[in-house]
Amino acid sequence: MAKVLYITANPKSEEQSYSLSVGRAFLEAYRAESPNDQLIELDLYQTEIPDIDTDVFSGWGKLQQGKAFEELSADEKSKVARINELTEQFISADKYVFVTPMWNFSVPPRMKKYIDTICIAGKTFKYTAEGSVGLLTDKKAVHIQARGGVYSEGPAIEFEFGDRYIRAIFSFIGITDAESIIVEGMAQMPDKAETIKQNAIAQAKEVAKRFAREKAKV
């Protein structure tokens, strides 16, 4: 039985969001294909995610110096502990589904905050003499992204930093078995928006079935 972490970063409802509606179609198709897998939904707009701030750096610094967790201040304890919870939850999963809209060429700030809690040296990657090495090499991931314009080709391709960023993070922490489902052009071509959405849903369902059947590569 695989453990799947379904991570969304969009404050809109599924009815209002292209990324979330395609993501839901993906999740339902996955569940139908592999009903015994554990699916955990993590809505980042309903999740406590600490900033990497002065308290966090101070707390980490004390722990690196050999101090006990009990010696940290109350704020240091709560923030460091919460980040550790999110990191461990992420590591414990076998597969990941990231669902985001494109905002200002990238991902919502909540997703960036979350990524800061999963890129932790010694847990999801390590430093070596040859550079950093990802540690989650036995995982599998999908990124579903919606964007109003067309960024997969043409002059706008240089401004696409959302999917590229997520895929770079996957690679950085060792996840090379990854793919993307892109829903794009709805604002640019409003008369075709529903067709674009339905085509993306059909693609999501097919990818979900395969994603459910396949084990992550080791």
N, C-alpha and C. Protein backbone atom coordinates (compact mmCIF):
# COMPACT_ATOMS: atom_id res chain seq x y z
N MET A 1 0.84 -1.21 0.00
CA MET A 1 0.00 0.00 0.00
C MET A 1 0.87 1.25 0.00
N ALA A 2 0.66 2.12 -0.96
CA ALA A 2 1.44 3.34 -1.07
C ALA A 2 0.78 4.48 -0.30
N LYS A 3 1.61 5.41 0.16
CA LYS A 3 1.13 6.61 0.84
C LYS A 3 1.32 7.79 -0.10
N VAL A 4 0.22 8.47 -0.43
CA VAL A 4 0.24 9.56 -1.39
C VAL A 4 -0.08 10.88 -0.68
N LEU A 5 0.78 11.87 -0.88
CA LEU A 5 0.56 13.19 -0.29
C LEU A 5 0.10 14.13 -1.40
N TYR A 6 -1.14 14.62 -1.29
CA TYR A 6 -1.76 15.49 -2.28
C TYR A 6 -1.72 16.91 -1.74
N ILE A 7 -0.88 17.75 -2.32
CA ILE A 7 -0.56 19.06 -1.75
C ILE A 7 -1.09 20.16 -2.66
N THR A 8 -2.00 20.98 -2.13
CA THR A 8 -2.58 22.06 -2.92
C THR A 8 -2.22 23.42 -2.35
N ALA A 9 -2.10 24.40 -3.24
CA ALA A 9 -1.79 25.78 -2.80
C ALA A 9 -2.65 26.73 -3.61
N ASN A 10 -3.92 26.83 -3.22
CA ASN A 10 -4.84 27.71 -3.92
C ASN A 10 -6.01 28.03 -2.97
N PRO A 11 -6.25 29.31 -2.67
CA PRO A 11 -7.32 29.66 -1.74
C PRO A 11 -8.72 29.58 -2.35
N LYS A 12 -8.81 29.39 -3.67
CA LYS A 12 -10.10 29.31 -4.33
C LYS A 12 -10.77 27.96 -4.08
N SER A 13 -12.07 27.89 -4.38
CA SER A 13 -12.79 26.62 -4.32
C SER A 13 -12.44 25.81 -5.56
N GLU A 14 -12.73 24.52 -5.53
CA GLU A 14 -12.46 23.68 -6.70
C GLU A 14 -13.28 24.13 -7.90
N GLU A 15 -14.50 24.64 -7.65
CA GLU A 15 -15.35 25.09 -8.74
C GLU A 15 -14.77 26.33 -9.43
N GLN A 16 -14.02 27.13 -8.70
CA GLN A 16 -13.45 28.36 -9.24
C GLN A 16 -12.05 28.17 -9.81
N SER A 17 -11.44 27.05 -9.55
CA SER A 17 -10.02 26.85 -9.87
C SER A 17 -9.81 25.75 -10.90
N TYR A 18 -9.08 26.09 -11.94
CA TYR A 18 -8.73 25.08 -12.94
C TYR A 18 -7.77 24.05 -12.36
N SER A 19 -6.77 24.51 -11.63
CA SER A 19 -5.78 23.56 -11.08
C SER A 19 -6.43 22.59 -10.10
N LEU A 20 -7.30 23.11 -9.23
CA LEU A 20 -7.93 22.25 -8.23
C LEU A 20 -8.95 21.29 -8.84
N SER A 21 -9.68 21.73 -9.85
CA SER A 21 -10.66 20.84 -10.47
C SER A 21 -9.97 19.73 -11.25
N VAL A 22 -8.87 20.05 -11.92
CA VAL A 22 -8.10 19.00 -12.60
C VAL A 22 -7.44 18.10 -11.56
N GLY A 23 -6.95 18.69 -10.47
CA GLY A 23 -6.36 17.89 -9.40
C GLY A 23 -7.34 16.93 -8.78
N ARG A 24 -8.59 17.38 -8.59
CA ARG A 24 -9.61 16.50 -8.01
C ARG A 24 -9.92 15.33 -8.96
N ALA A 25 -9.96 15.60 -10.25
CA ALA A 25 -10.19 14.53 -11.22
C ALA A 25 -9.05 13.52 -11.16
N PHE A 26 -7.83 14.02 -11.00
CA PHE A 26 -6.67 13.15 -10.86
C PHE A 26 -6.82 12.27 -9.62
N LEU A 27 -7.18 12.88 -8.50
CA LEU A 27 -7.27 12.15 -7.23
C LEU A 27 -8.36 11.09 -7.28
N GLU A 28 -9.49 11.42 -7.87
CA GLU A 28 -10.59 10.46 -7.95
C GLU A 28 -10.22 9.28 -8.85
N ALA A 29 -9.53 9.56 -9.94
CA ALA A 29 -9.09 8.48 -10.84
C ALA A 29 -8.06 7.60 -10.15
N TYR A 30 -7.18 8.22 -9.37
CA TYR A 30 -6.18 7.45 -8.63
C TYR A 30 -6.86 6.54 -7.62
N ARG A 31 -7.81 7.11 -6.89
CA ARG A 31 -8.52 6.35 -5.85
C ARG A 31 -9.26 5.16 -6.46
N ALA A 32 -9.85 5.36 -7.63
CA ALA A 32 -10.58 4.28 -8.29
C ALA A 32 -9.63 3.17 -8.75
N GLU A 33 -8.43 3.57 -9.17
CA GLU A 33 -7.45 2.60 -9.67
C GLU A 33 -6.78 1.85 -8.53
N SER A 34 -6.53 2.54 -7.41
CA SER A 34 -5.80 1.93 -6.31
C SER A 34 -6.48 2.31 -4.98
N PRO A 35 -7.65 1.72 -4.70
CA PRO A 35 -8.45 2.13 -3.53
C PRO A 35 -7.82 1.85 -2.18
N ASN A 36 -6.83 0.99 -2.12
CA ASN A 36 -6.22 0.65 -0.83
C ASN A 36 -5.06 1.58 -0.45
N ASP A 37 -4.63 2.42 -1.37
CA ASP A 37 -3.55 3.35 -1.05
C ASP A 37 -4.05 4.42 -0.08
N GLN A 38 -3.15 4.93 0.73
CA GLN A 38 -3.48 5.99 1.68
C GLN A 38 -3.29 7.35 1.02
N LEU A 39 -4.36 8.13 0.91
CA LEU A 39 -4.31 9.44 0.28
C LEU A 39 -4.47 10.52 1.35
N ILE A 40 -3.48 11.36 1.49
CA ILE A 40 -3.50 12.44 2.48
C ILE A 40 -3.56 13.77 1.75
N GLU A 41 -4.61 14.56 2.01
CA GLU A 41 -4.76 15.86 1.38
C GLU A 41 -4.22 16.96 2.30
N LEU A 42 -3.34 17.77 1.75
CA LEU A 42 -2.71 18.85 2.51
C LEU A 42 -2.98 20.17 1.80
N ASP A 43 -3.95 20.91 2.32
CA ASP A 43 -4.30 22.23 1.78
C ASP A 43 -3.41 23.26 2.47
N LEU A 44 -2.48 23.83 1.74
CA LEU A 44 -1.51 24.73 2.36
C LEU A 44 -2.14 26.04 2.85
N TYR A 45 -3.35 26.35 2.39
CA TYR A 45 -4.03 27.53 2.90
C TYR A 45 -4.82 27.23 4.16
N GLN A 46 -4.81 25.97 4.57
CA GLN A 46 -5.45 25.56 5.83
C GLN A 46 -4.42 24.87 6.74
N THR A 47 -3.15 25.11 6.47
CA THR A 47 -2.07 24.43 7.19
C THR A 47 -1.13 25.43 7.84
N GLU A 48 -0.74 25.17 9.05
CA GLU A 48 0.23 26.03 9.74
C GLU A 48 1.62 25.75 9.17
N ILE A 49 2.22 26.77 8.59
CA ILE A 49 3.56 26.65 8.01
C ILE A 49 4.41 27.79 8.55
N PRO A 50 5.36 27.52 9.43
CA PRO A 50 6.18 28.61 9.97
C PRO A 50 7.07 29.24 8.90
N ASP A 51 7.31 30.53 9.04
CA ASP A 51 8.33 31.19 8.22
C ASP A 51 9.70 30.72 8.69
N ILE A 52 10.65 30.70 7.78
CA ILE A 52 12.04 30.50 8.19
C ILE A 52 12.53 31.86 8.67
N ASP A 53 12.43 32.09 9.98
CA ASP A 53 12.71 33.42 10.52
C ASP A 53 13.81 33.35 11.58
N THR A 54 13.93 34.42 12.35
CA THR A 54 14.97 34.50 13.37
C THR A 54 14.85 33.37 14.39
N ASP A 55 13.63 33.08 14.82
CA ASP A 55 13.43 32.01 15.81
C ASP A 55 13.88 30.65 15.26
N VAL A 56 13.56 30.39 14.01
CA VAL A 56 13.93 29.10 13.41
C VAL A 56 15.44 28.97 13.29
N PHE A 57 16.07 30.01 12.76
CA PHE A 57 17.53 29.94 12.62
C PHE A 57 18.21 29.85 13.99
N SER A 58 17.67 30.58 14.96
CA SER A 58 18.24 30.52 16.31
C SER A 58 18.07 29.12 16.91
N GLY A 59 16.88 28.54 16.75
CA GLY A 59 16.63 27.21 17.28
C GLY A 59 17.49 26.16 16.61
N TRP A 60 17.58 26.22 15.28
CA TRP A 60 18.45 25.28 14.58
C TRP A 60 19.90 25.42 15.03
N GLY A 61 20.32 26.68 15.20
CA GLY A 61 21.70 26.92 15.61
C GLY A 61 22.01 26.32 16.97
N LYS A 62 21.09 26.44 17.91
CA LYS A 62 21.29 25.87 19.25
C LYS A 62 21.36 24.34 19.19
N LEU A 63 20.51 23.74 18.38
CA LEU A 63 20.53 22.28 18.25
C LEU A 63 21.82 21.81 17.61
N GLN A 64 22.31 22.55 16.62
CA GLN A 64 23.58 22.19 15.98
C GLN A 64 24.75 22.32 16.95
N GLN A 65 24.61 23.20 17.93
CA GLN A 65 25.66 23.37 18.94
C GLN A 65 25.58 22.31 20.04
N GLY A 66 24.61 21.42 19.93
CA GLY A 66 24.49 20.34 20.90
C GLY A 66 23.54 20.58 22.04
N LYS A 67 22.82 21.71 22.00
CA LYS A 67 21.88 21.98 23.07
C LYS A 67 20.65 21.09 22.92
N ALA A 68 20.02 20.79 24.05
CA ALA A 68 18.81 19.96 24.03
C ALA A 68 17.63 20.78 23.54
N PHE A 69 16.65 20.10 22.97
CA PHE A 69 15.46 20.78 22.46
C PHE A 69 14.77 21.57 23.57
N GLU A 70 14.82 21.06 24.79
CA GLU A 70 14.18 21.72 25.92
C GLU A 70 14.81 23.07 26.24
N GLU A 71 16.02 23.31 25.75
CA GLU A 71 16.71 24.56 26.03
C GLU A 71 16.30 25.68 25.08
N LEU A 72 15.53 25.35 24.06
CA LEU A 72 15.08 26.36 23.12
C LEU A 72 13.98 27.22 23.75
N SER A 73 13.80 28.43 23.24
CA SER A 73 12.71 29.28 23.72
C SER A 73 11.38 28.69 23.25
N ALA A 74 10.29 29.19 23.81
CA ALA A 74 8.97 28.68 23.44
C ALA A 74 8.70 28.85 21.95
N ASP A 75 9.03 30.01 21.40
CA ASP A 75 8.82 30.25 19.97
C ASP A 75 9.72 29.36 19.12
N GLU A 76 10.97 29.22 19.55
CA GLU A 76 11.89 28.35 18.81
C GLU A 76 11.38 26.91 18.80
N LYS A 77 10.92 26.43 19.93
CA LYS A 77 10.40 25.06 20.03
C LYS A 77 9.22 24.83 19.10
N SER A 78 8.24 25.73 19.17
CA SER A 78 7.01 25.51 18.40
C SER A 78 7.28 25.56 16.90
N LYS A 79 8.11 26.48 16.46
CA LYS A 79 8.38 26.62 15.02
C LYS A 79 9.25 25.49 14.50
N VAL A 80 10.30 25.17 15.23
CA VAL A 80 11.20 24.09 14.81
C VAL A 80 10.46 22.76 14.81
N ALA A 81 9.64 22.54 15.83
CA ALA A 81 8.88 21.29 15.91
C ALA A 81 7.88 21.16 14.76
N ARG A 82 7.22 22.26 14.42
CA ARG A 82 6.24 22.22 13.34
C ARG A 82 6.92 21.96 12.00
N ILE A 83 8.05 22.61 11.75
CA ILE A 83 8.79 22.36 10.51
C ILE A 83 9.21 20.90 10.44
N ASN A 84 9.65 20.36 11.56
CA ASN A 84 10.07 18.96 11.60
C ASN A 84 8.89 18.03 11.29
N GLU A 85 7.70 18.36 11.80
CA GLU A 85 6.50 17.57 11.51
C GLU A 85 6.21 17.53 10.02
N LEU A 86 6.29 18.69 9.38
CA LEU A 86 6.01 18.75 7.94
C LEU A 86 7.08 18.00 7.15
N THR A 87 8.32 18.13 7.57
CA THR A 87 9.40 17.41 6.89
C THR A 87 9.21 15.91 7.00
N GLU A 88 8.93 15.42 8.19
CA GLU A 88 8.77 13.99 8.40
C GLU A 88 7.54 13.45 7.67
N GLN A 89 6.47 14.23 7.65
CA GLN A 89 5.29 13.81 6.91
C GLN A 89 5.63 13.65 5.43
N PHE A 90 6.38 14.59 4.89
CA PHE A 90 6.75 14.53 3.49
C PHE A 90 7.63 13.31 3.21
N ILE A 91 8.63 13.10 4.03
CA ILE A 91 9.54 11.97 3.83
C ILE A 91 8.81 10.65 3.91
N SER A 92 7.79 10.56 4.75
CA SER A 92 7.09 9.30 4.97
C SER A 92 6.22 8.88 3.78
N ALA A 93 5.93 9.81 2.88
CA ALA A 93 5.09 9.49 1.73
C ALA A 93 5.90 8.79 0.64
N ASP A 94 5.20 8.05 -0.21
CA ASP A 94 5.83 7.36 -1.34
C ASP A 94 5.67 8.14 -2.64
N LYS A 95 4.55 8.85 -2.74
CA LYS A 95 4.24 9.58 -3.96
C LYS A 95 3.69 10.96 -3.59
N TYR A 96 3.87 11.91 -4.51
CA TYR A 96 3.44 13.28 -4.26
C TYR A 96 2.67 13.83 -5.46
N VAL A 97 1.62 14.59 -5.16
CA VAL A 97 0.90 15.34 -6.18
C VAL A 97 0.88 16.79 -5.73
N PHE A 98 1.56 17.65 -6.45
CA PHE A 98 1.57 19.08 -6.16
C PHE A 98 0.59 19.75 -7.11
N VAL A 99 -0.29 20.60 -6.58
CA VAL A 99 -1.29 21.28 -7.40
C VAL A 99 -1.19 22.79 -7.14
N THR A 100 -0.87 23.55 -8.18
CA THR A 100 -0.69 24.99 -8.02
C THR A 100 -1.22 25.75 -9.23
N PRO A 101 -1.63 27.00 -9.01
CA PRO A 101 -1.84 27.92 -10.12
C PRO A 101 -0.51 28.63 -10.39
N MET A 102 -0.41 29.27 -11.55
CA MET A 102 0.72 30.18 -11.76
C MET A 102 0.30 31.56 -11.28
N TRP A 103 1.08 32.12 -10.37
CA TRP A 103 0.87 33.49 -9.92
C TRP A 103 2.13 34.29 -10.22
N ASN A 104 1.99 35.33 -10.99
CA ASN A 104 3.14 36.20 -11.30
C ASN A 104 4.35 35.39 -11.75
N PHE A 105 4.09 34.45 -12.67
CA PHE A 105 5.10 33.62 -13.32
C PHE A 105 5.62 32.49 -12.45
N SER A 106 5.16 32.38 -11.21
CA SER A 106 5.70 31.35 -10.32
C SER A 106 4.56 30.69 -9.54
N VAL A 107 4.87 30.23 -8.34
CA VAL A 107 3.88 29.53 -7.50
C VAL A 107 3.42 30.46 -6.37
N PRO A 108 2.27 30.18 -5.75
CA PRO A 108 1.82 30.99 -4.62
C PRO A 108 2.83 30.97 -3.47
N PRO A 109 2.91 32.05 -2.69
CA PRO A 109 3.88 32.12 -1.60
C PRO A 109 3.73 31.00 -0.58
N ARG A 110 2.51 30.50 -0.40
CA ARG A 110 2.31 29.39 0.54
C ARG A 110 3.09 28.14 0.11
N MET A 111 3.16 27.93 -1.19
CA MET A 111 3.92 26.77 -1.68
C MET A 111 5.41 26.97 -1.42
N LYS A 112 5.89 28.19 -1.61
CA LYS A 112 7.30 28.46 -1.33
C LYS A 112 7.60 28.22 0.14
N LYS A 113 6.69 28.66 1.04
CA LYS A 113 6.89 28.42 2.46
C LYS A 113 6.96 26.92 2.77
N TYR A 114 6.07 26.18 2.11
CA TYR A 114 6.06 24.73 2.34
C TYR A 114 7.34 24.09 1.84
N ILE A 115 7.79 24.48 0.68
CA ILE A 115 9.02 23.91 0.12
C ILE A 115 10.20 24.19 1.04
N ASP A 116 10.19 25.33 1.73
CA ASP A 116 11.26 25.63 2.68
C ASP A 116 11.27 24.63 3.85
N THR A 117 10.13 23.98 4.11
CA THR A 117 10.09 23.00 5.20
C THR A 117 10.47 21.59 4.75
N ILE A 118 10.54 21.37 3.42
CA ILE A 118 10.88 20.02 2.95
C ILE A 118 12.27 19.94 2.35
N CYS A 119 12.91 21.08 2.14
CA CYS A 119 14.30 21.08 1.66
C CYS A 119 15.21 21.26 2.88
N ILE A 120 15.44 20.18 3.57
CA ILE A 120 16.19 20.23 4.82
C ILE A 120 17.44 19.35 4.70
N ALA A 121 18.60 19.99 4.88
CA ALA A 121 19.87 19.26 4.77
C ALA A 121 19.92 18.13 5.79
N GLY A 122 20.35 16.97 5.33
CA GLY A 122 20.45 15.81 6.19
C GLY A 122 19.20 14.97 6.22
N LYS A 123 18.10 15.51 5.66
CA LYS A 123 16.84 14.77 5.64
C LYS A 123 16.35 14.50 4.22
N THR A 124 16.29 15.54 3.41
CA THR A 124 15.84 15.34 2.03
C THR A 124 16.98 15.55 1.02
N PHE A 125 18.09 16.10 1.48
CA PHE A 125 19.29 16.21 0.65
C PHE A 125 20.50 16.31 1.57
N LYS A 126 21.67 16.10 1.01
CA LYS A 126 22.89 16.23 1.80
C LYS A 126 23.97 16.91 0.96
N TYR A 127 24.92 17.53 1.65
CA TYR A 127 26.05 18.15 0.98
C TYR A 127 27.21 17.15 0.91
N THR A 128 27.86 17.09 -0.24
CA THR A 128 29.04 16.25 -0.41
C THR A 128 30.14 17.09 -1.05
N ALA A 129 31.32 16.50 -1.18
CA ALA A 129 32.43 17.22 -1.81
C ALA A 129 32.12 17.55 -3.27
N GLU A 130 31.23 16.77 -3.86
CA GLU A 130 30.86 16.99 -5.27
C GLU A 130 29.63 17.89 -5.41
N GLY A 131 29.07 18.31 -4.28
CA GLY A 131 27.87 19.14 -4.32
C GLY A 131 26.71 18.48 -3.58
N SER A 132 25.53 19.06 -3.69
CA SER A 132 24.38 18.51 -2.99
C SER A 132 23.85 17.27 -3.68
N VAL A 133 23.29 16.35 -2.89
CA VAL A 133 22.75 15.10 -3.40
C VAL A 133 21.36 14.88 -2.79
N GLY A 134 20.35 14.63 -3.62
CA GLY A 134 19.02 14.37 -3.11
C GLY A 134 18.92 13.01 -2.47
N LEU A 135 18.13 12.90 -1.41
CA LEU A 135 18.02 11.66 -0.65
C LEU A 135 16.71 10.90 -0.90
N LEU A 136 15.75 11.51 -1.60
CA LEU A 136 14.45 10.87 -1.79
C LEU A 136 14.38 10.21 -3.18
N THR A 137 15.32 9.35 -3.45
CA THR A 137 15.45 8.76 -4.78
C THR A 137 14.43 7.65 -5.05
N ASP A 138 13.69 7.23 -4.05
CA ASP A 138 12.72 6.15 -4.23
C ASP A 138 11.29 6.68 -4.28
N LYS A 139 11.13 7.96 -4.64
CA LYS A 139 9.80 8.58 -4.66
C LYS A 139 9.36 8.87 -6.09
N LYS A 140 8.09 9.28 -6.21
CA LYS A 140 7.47 9.56 -7.50
C LYS A 140 6.57 10.77 -7.34
N ALA A 141 6.51 11.66 -8.36
CA ALA A 141 5.75 12.90 -8.18
C ALA A 141 5.10 13.37 -9.48
N VAL A 142 4.03 14.15 -9.29
CA VAL A 142 3.33 14.82 -10.39
C VAL A 142 3.07 16.26 -9.97
N HIS A 143 3.22 17.18 -10.91
CA HIS A 143 2.86 18.58 -10.66
C HIS A 143 1.74 18.96 -11.62
N ILE A 144 0.62 19.42 -11.07
CA ILE A 144 -0.50 19.92 -11.87
C ILE A 144 -0.51 21.43 -11.73
N GLN A 145 -0.38 22.13 -12.85
CA GLN A 145 -0.36 23.60 -12.80
C GLN A 145 -1.31 24.19 -13.82
N ALA A 146 -2.07 25.22 -13.40
CA ALA A 146 -2.93 25.97 -14.30
C ALA A 146 -2.36 27.37 -14.48
N ARG A 147 -2.39 27.85 -15.73
CA ARG A 147 -1.91 29.20 -16.01
C ARG A 147 -2.75 29.81 -17.14
N GLY A 148 -3.13 31.07 -16.95
CA GLY A 148 -4.05 31.71 -17.88
C GLY A 148 -3.50 31.92 -19.27
N GLY A 149 -2.21 32.17 -19.37
CA GLY A 149 -1.58 32.34 -20.67
C GLY A 149 -0.93 31.06 -21.14
N VAL A 150 -0.30 31.14 -22.31
CA VAL A 150 0.43 30.00 -22.86
C VAL A 150 1.91 30.22 -22.62
N TYR A 151 2.50 29.36 -21.79
CA TYR A 151 3.91 29.50 -21.43
C TYR A 151 4.75 28.30 -21.84
N SER A 152 4.14 27.33 -22.50
CA SER A 152 4.88 26.15 -22.90
C SER A 152 5.61 26.34 -24.22
N GLU A 153 5.27 27.42 -24.93
CA GLU A 153 5.92 27.70 -26.21
C GLU A 153 5.81 29.19 -26.49
N GLY A 154 6.55 29.65 -27.48
CA GLY A 154 6.50 31.06 -27.84
C GLY A 154 7.32 31.94 -26.91
N PRO A 155 7.21 33.25 -27.04
CA PRO A 155 8.04 34.18 -26.26
C PRO A 155 7.83 34.10 -24.76
N ALA A 156 6.64 33.68 -24.31
CA ALA A 156 6.35 33.64 -22.87
C ALA A 156 7.06 32.49 -22.16
N ILE A 157 7.64 31.57 -22.90
CA ILE A 157 8.29 30.41 -22.27
C ILE A 157 9.39 30.83 -21.29
N GLU A 158 10.02 31.96 -21.58
CA GLU A 158 11.10 32.44 -20.71
C GLU A 158 10.59 32.95 -19.37
N PHE A 159 9.28 33.17 -19.25
CA PHE A 159 8.71 33.69 -18.01
C PHE A 159 8.07 32.61 -17.15
N GLU A 160 8.21 31.36 -17.53
CA GLU A 160 7.60 30.27 -16.78
C GLU A 160 8.56 29.79 -15.70
N PHE A 161 8.29 30.18 -14.46
CA PHE A 161 9.15 29.79 -13.34
C PHE A 161 8.41 28.93 -12.31
N GLY A 162 7.15 28.59 -12.57
CA GLY A 162 6.37 27.80 -11.63
C GLY A 162 6.63 26.32 -11.75
N ASP A 163 6.31 25.75 -12.90
CA ASP A 163 6.57 24.32 -13.10
C ASP A 163 8.06 24.03 -13.09
N ARG A 164 8.83 24.92 -13.69
CA ARG A 164 10.29 24.72 -13.68
C ARG A 164 10.84 24.68 -12.25
N TYR A 165 10.29 25.55 -11.41
CA TYR A 165 10.73 25.59 -10.00
C TYR A 165 10.38 24.30 -9.28
N ILE A 166 9.13 23.87 -9.42
CA ILE A 166 8.72 22.63 -8.75
C ILE A 166 9.54 21.45 -9.25
N ARG A 167 9.75 21.36 -10.55
CA ARG A 167 10.53 20.26 -11.10
C ARG A 167 11.98 20.32 -10.63
N ALA A 168 12.52 21.55 -10.48
CA ALA A 168 13.89 21.71 -9.96
C ALA A 168 13.98 21.22 -8.52
N ILE A 169 12.95 21.53 -7.72
CA ILE A 169 12.92 21.07 -6.33
C ILE A 169 12.86 19.54 -6.29
N PHE A 170 12.01 18.94 -7.12
CA PHE A 170 11.95 17.48 -7.19
C PHE A 170 13.35 16.92 -7.42
N SER A 171 14.02 17.44 -8.44
CA SER A 171 15.35 16.94 -8.79
C SER A 171 16.34 17.16 -7.65
N PHE A 172 16.26 18.32 -7.01
CA PHE A 172 17.19 18.67 -5.94
C PHE A 172 17.12 17.68 -4.78
N ILE A 173 15.89 17.23 -4.45
CA ILE A 173 15.75 16.30 -3.32
C ILE A 173 15.74 14.84 -3.76
N GLY A 174 16.05 14.62 -5.04
CA GLY A 174 16.27 13.25 -5.51
C GLY A 174 15.14 12.59 -6.27
N ILE A 175 14.04 13.33 -6.50
CA ILE A 175 12.89 12.74 -7.20
C ILE A 175 13.05 12.98 -8.70
N THR A 176 13.50 11.97 -9.41
CA THR A 176 13.67 12.08 -10.85
C THR A 176 12.50 11.46 -11.62
N ASP A 177 11.68 10.68 -10.94
CA ASP A 177 10.50 10.07 -11.55
C ASP A 177 9.34 11.03 -11.37
N ALA A 178 9.25 12.03 -12.27
CA ALA A 178 8.27 13.10 -12.10
C ALA A 178 7.75 13.55 -13.46
N GLU A 179 6.51 14.04 -13.47
CA GLU A 179 5.93 14.59 -14.69
C GLU A 179 4.99 15.72 -14.35
N SER A 180 4.58 16.47 -15.38
CA SER A 180 3.72 17.63 -15.17
C SER A 180 2.46 17.52 -16.03
N ILE A 181 1.37 18.03 -15.49
CA ILE A 181 0.12 18.18 -16.22
C ILE A 181 -0.18 19.67 -16.24
N ILE A 182 -0.14 20.27 -17.41
CA ILE A 182 -0.28 21.71 -17.53
C ILE A 182 -1.62 22.08 -18.17
N VAL A 183 -2.34 22.98 -17.50
CA VAL A 183 -3.61 23.51 -17.99
C VAL A 183 -3.34 24.98 -18.32
N GLU A 184 -3.30 25.36 -19.58
CA GLU A 184 -2.90 26.73 -19.89
C GLU A 184 -3.70 27.34 -21.04
N GLY A 185 -3.73 28.68 -21.04
CA GLY A 185 -4.34 29.44 -22.12
C GLY A 185 -5.78 29.82 -21.92
N MET A 186 -6.35 29.54 -20.74
CA MET A 186 -7.78 29.80 -20.53
C MET A 186 -8.12 31.30 -20.58
N ALA A 187 -7.26 32.15 -20.02
CA ALA A 187 -7.50 33.59 -20.06
C ALA A 187 -7.16 34.16 -21.43
N GLN A 188 -6.16 33.59 -22.04
CA GLN A 188 -5.73 34.05 -23.36
C GLN A 188 -6.73 33.67 -24.45
N MET A 189 -7.38 32.52 -24.26
CA MET A 189 -8.36 32.04 -25.23
C MET A 189 -9.64 31.63 -24.50
N PRO A 190 -10.38 32.60 -23.96
CA PRO A 190 -11.55 32.28 -23.12
C PRO A 190 -12.60 31.43 -23.83
N ASP A 191 -12.71 31.56 -25.16
CA ASP A 191 -13.69 30.76 -25.90
C ASP A 191 -13.33 29.28 -25.93
N LYS A 192 -12.09 28.97 -25.60
CA LYS A 192 -11.62 27.59 -25.59
C LYS A 192 -11.35 27.08 -24.17
N ALA A 193 -11.66 27.89 -23.17
CA ALA A 193 -11.32 27.57 -21.78
C ALA A 193 -11.90 26.23 -21.32
N GLU A 194 -13.17 25.98 -21.62
CA GLU A 194 -13.80 24.75 -21.17
C GLU A 194 -13.19 23.53 -21.87
N THR A 195 -12.90 23.67 -23.15
CA THR A 195 -12.25 22.57 -23.88
C THR A 195 -10.87 22.28 -23.31
N ILE A 196 -10.12 23.34 -23.01
CA ILE A 196 -8.79 23.17 -22.41
C ILE A 196 -8.90 22.43 -21.09
N LYS A 197 -9.87 22.82 -20.29
CA LYS A 197 -10.08 22.19 -18.98
C LYS A 197 -10.43 20.71 -19.13
N GLN A 198 -11.35 20.41 -20.01
CA GLN A 198 -11.78 19.02 -20.18
C GLN A 198 -10.65 18.15 -20.74
N ASN A 199 -9.86 18.71 -21.64
CA ASN A 199 -8.71 17.95 -22.16
C ASN A 199 -7.70 17.67 -21.04
N ALA A 200 -7.50 18.65 -20.16
CA ALA A 200 -6.58 18.47 -19.05
C ALA A 200 -7.11 17.43 -18.07
N ILE A 201 -8.41 17.42 -17.84
CA ILE A 201 -9.01 16.43 -16.95
C ILE A 201 -8.84 15.03 -17.52
N ALA A 202 -9.04 14.89 -18.82
CA ALA A 202 -8.85 13.59 -19.46
C ALA A 202 -7.40 13.12 -19.32
N GLN A 203 -6.47 14.06 -19.53
CA GLN A 203 -5.05 13.72 -19.37
C GLN A 203 -4.75 13.33 -17.93
N ALA A 204 -5.30 14.10 -16.98
CA ALA A 204 -5.06 13.84 -15.56
C ALA A 204 -5.54 12.45 -15.16
N LYS A 205 -6.67 12.06 -15.67
CA LYS A 205 -7.21 10.73 -15.34
C LYS A 205 -6.29 9.62 -15.86
N GLU A 206 -5.78 9.79 -17.06
CA GLU A 206 -4.88 8.78 -17.63
C GLU A 206 -3.56 8.71 -16.86
N VAL A 207 -3.02 9.88 -16.53
CA VAL A 207 -1.77 9.91 -15.76
C VAL A 207 -1.99 9.32 -14.38
N ALA A 208 -3.14 9.61 -13.77
CA ALA A 208 -3.44 9.10 -12.43
C ALA A 208 -3.50 7.58 -12.41
N LYS A 209 -4.10 6.99 -13.42
CA LYS A 209 -4.19 5.53 -13.48
C LYS A 209 -2.79 4.91 -13.54
N ARG A 210 -1.94 5.50 -14.37
CA ARG A 210 -0.57 5.00 -14.48
C ARG A 210 0.21 5.25 -13.18
N PHE A 211 0.01 6.43 -12.62
CA PHE A 211 0.67 6.82 -11.37
C PHE A 211 0.30 5.87 -10.24
N ALA A 212 -0.95 5.41 -10.25
CA ALA A 212 -1.42 4.49 -9.21
C ALA A 212 -0.82 3.09 -9.39
N ARG A 213 -0.67 2.68 -10.64
CA ARG A 213 -0.17 1.33 -10.90
C ARG A 213 1.33 1.19 -10.69
N GLU A 214 2.06 2.24 -11.00
CA GLU A 214 3.52 2.17 -10.97
C GLU A 214 4.06 2.46 -9.59
N LYS A 215 5.09 1.74 -9.24
CA LYS A 215 5.83 2.03 -8.02
C LYS A 215 6.89 3.06 -8.34
N ALA A 216 7.31 3.80 -7.32
CA ALA A 216 8.38 4.77 -7.53
C ALA A 216 9.66 4.03 -7.89
N LYS A 217 10.47 4.66 -8.72
CA LYS A 217 11.74 4.05 -9.12
C LYS A 217 12.76 4.13 -7.99
N VAL A 218 13.57 3.11 -7.88
CA VAL A 218 14.62 3.08 -6.84
C VAL A 218 15.97 3.26 -7.53
